């Protein structure tokens, strides 16, 4: 995965699945566990929105824009996950696209 190339649909969905895990790991002392909202930006429409469910169907730029806003702090979760997956692919000679294709074949075979 070259982080400067367009992300495939499989890569975008994997990043959204990973983001969902992170967001469900947030705790609040008053309410306990909660799904922290991710802010997503559509630069073409100059709009931002928040999601509390698992994101799907996002564009390359929308995935890059995903972030958590904690008061005055921001965690750019989209770019962090893209860079993490890229580092893992490079370090361990992996291809998440190939792994995802194998997973889908296996999943469809079992149905």
Protein backbone atom coordinates (compact mmCIF):
# COMPACT_ATOMS: atom_id res chain seq x y z
CA UNK A 1 0.00 0.00 0.00
CA UNK A 2 1.53 3.25 -1.10
CA UNK A 3 -0.06 5.82 1.17
CA UNK A 4 -0.06 8.37 -1.65
CA UNK A 5 -1.97 6.17 -4.10
CA UNK A 6 -5.74 5.92 -4.05
CA UNK A 7 -6.90 3.37 -1.52
CA UNK A 8 -8.84 0.40 -2.87
CA UNK A 9 -12.36 -0.25 -1.64
CA UNK A 10 -11.03 -3.20 0.38
CA UNK A 11 -8.38 -1.02 2.03
CA UNK A 12 -10.92 1.69 2.82
CA UNK A 13 -13.30 -0.86 4.38
CA UNK A 14 -10.47 -2.42 6.42
CA UNK A 15 -9.51 1.00 7.76
CA UNK A 16 -13.16 1.68 8.65
CA UNK A 17 -13.37 -1.67 10.46
CA UNK A 18 -10.21 -0.84 12.43
CA UNK A 19 -11.51 2.64 13.24
CA UNK A 20 -14.69 1.07 14.62
CA UNK A 21 -12.60 -1.01 17.04
CA UNK A 22 -10.72 2.08 18.23
CA UNK A 23 -13.89 4.13 18.63
CA UNK A 24 -15.53 1.39 20.70
CA UNK A 25 -12.53 1.39 23.05
CA UNK A 26 -13.26 4.85 24.45
CA UNK A 27 -14.52 5.04 28.03
CA UNK A 28 -16.18 7.81 29.96
CA UNK A 29 -16.06 7.72 33.75
CA UNK A 30 -19.71 8.76 34.00
CA UNK A 31 -21.17 6.58 31.22
CA UNK A 32 -18.69 3.73 30.85
CA UNK A 33 -17.89 2.48 27.37
CA UNK A 34 -19.19 4.44 24.43
CA UNK A 35 -18.71 4.62 20.67
CA UNK A 36 -16.73 7.80 20.15
CA UNK A 37 -17.89 9.74 17.08
CA UNK A 38 -15.49 10.03 14.18
CA UNK A 39 -15.55 13.28 12.21
CA UNK A 40 -15.33 12.88 8.44
CA UNK A 41 -14.75 15.64 5.91
CA UNK A 42 -15.96 15.80 2.31
CA UNK A 43 -13.61 18.36 0.78
CA UNK A 44 -15.53 18.52 -2.51
CA UNK A 45 -18.75 19.59 -0.77
CA UNK A 46 -16.89 21.47 1.97
CA UNK A 47 -18.89 19.57 4.60
CA UNK A 48 -18.06 17.62 7.74
CA UNK A 49 -20.21 15.15 9.66
CA UNK A 50 -19.90 12.71 12.53
CA UNK A 51 -20.53 8.98 12.46
CA UNK A 52 -21.22 6.72 15.41
CA UNK A 53 -21.72 3.55 13.38
CA UNK A 54 -19.31 1.56 11.24
CA UNK A 55 -18.35 3.68 8.24
CA UNK A 56 -18.66 2.13 4.79
CA UNK A 57 -18.50 3.49 1.27
CA UNK A 58 -16.13 6.33 2.07
CA UNK A 59 -13.90 7.88 -0.58
CA UNK A 60 -10.12 7.95 -0.37
CA UNK A 61 -10.14 11.56 0.87
CA UNK A 62 -12.90 10.89 3.40
CA UNK A 63 -10.91 8.02 4.93
CA UNK A 64 -7.81 10.24 5.16
CA UNK A 65 -9.92 12.93 6.86
CA UNK A 66 -11.33 10.73 9.66
CA UNK A 67 -10.48 12.18 13.06
CA UNK A 68 -11.50 12.25 16.69
CA UNK A 69 -11.86 15.63 18.34
CA UNK A 70 -11.16 15.58 22.09
CA UNK A 71 -11.77 19.13 23.27
CA UNK A 72 -8.87 21.13 21.79
CA UNK A 73 -7.04 17.99 20.65
CA UNK A 74 -7.40 16.02 17.42
CA UNK A 75 -6.40 12.45 16.64
CA UNK A 76 -6.20 11.90 12.89
CA UNK A 77 -7.28 8.26 13.06
CA UNK A 78 -7.73 7.83 9.30
CA UNK A 79 -4.20 8.86 8.35
CA UNK A 80 -2.75 7.02 11.37
CA UNK A 81 -4.39 3.75 10.31
CA UNK A 82 -3.35 4.19 6.68
CA UNK A 83 0.26 4.78 7.74
CA UNK A 84 0.13 1.83 10.17
CA UNK A 85 -1.14 -0.59 7.52
CA UNK A 86 1.45 0.68 5.06
CA UNK A 87 4.23 0.15 7.62
CA UNK A 88 3.00 -3.40 8.37
CA UNK A 89 2.88 -4.25 4.66
CA UNK A 90 6.39 -2.97 4.13
CA UNK A 91 7.87 -4.49 7.28
CA UNK A 92 6.32 -7.95 6.88
CA UNK A 93 6.05 -8.10 3.07
CA UNK A 94 2.25 -8.22 3.22
CA UNK A 95 -0.49 -7.11 0.89
CA UNK A 96 -3.73 -6.33 2.67
CA UNK A 97 -5.49 -6.33 -0.71
CA UNK A 98 -4.36 -9.92 -1.36
CA UNK A 99 -5.21 -10.99 2.20
CA UNK A 100 -8.67 -9.45 1.87
CA UNK A 101 -9.28 -11.22 -1.46
CA UNK A 102 -8.38 -14.55 0.17
CA UNK A 103 -10.64 -13.79 3.14
CA UNK A 104 -13.57 -13.00 0.87
CA UNK A 105 -13.08 -16.17 -1.17
CA UNK A 106 -12.96 -18.23 2.03
CA UNK A 107 -15.99 -16.42 3.46
CA UNK A 108 -18.01 -16.90 0.25
CA UNK A 109 -16.95 -20.55 0.04
CA UNK A 110 -18.24 -21.22 3.55
CA UNK A 111 -21.68 -19.75 2.83
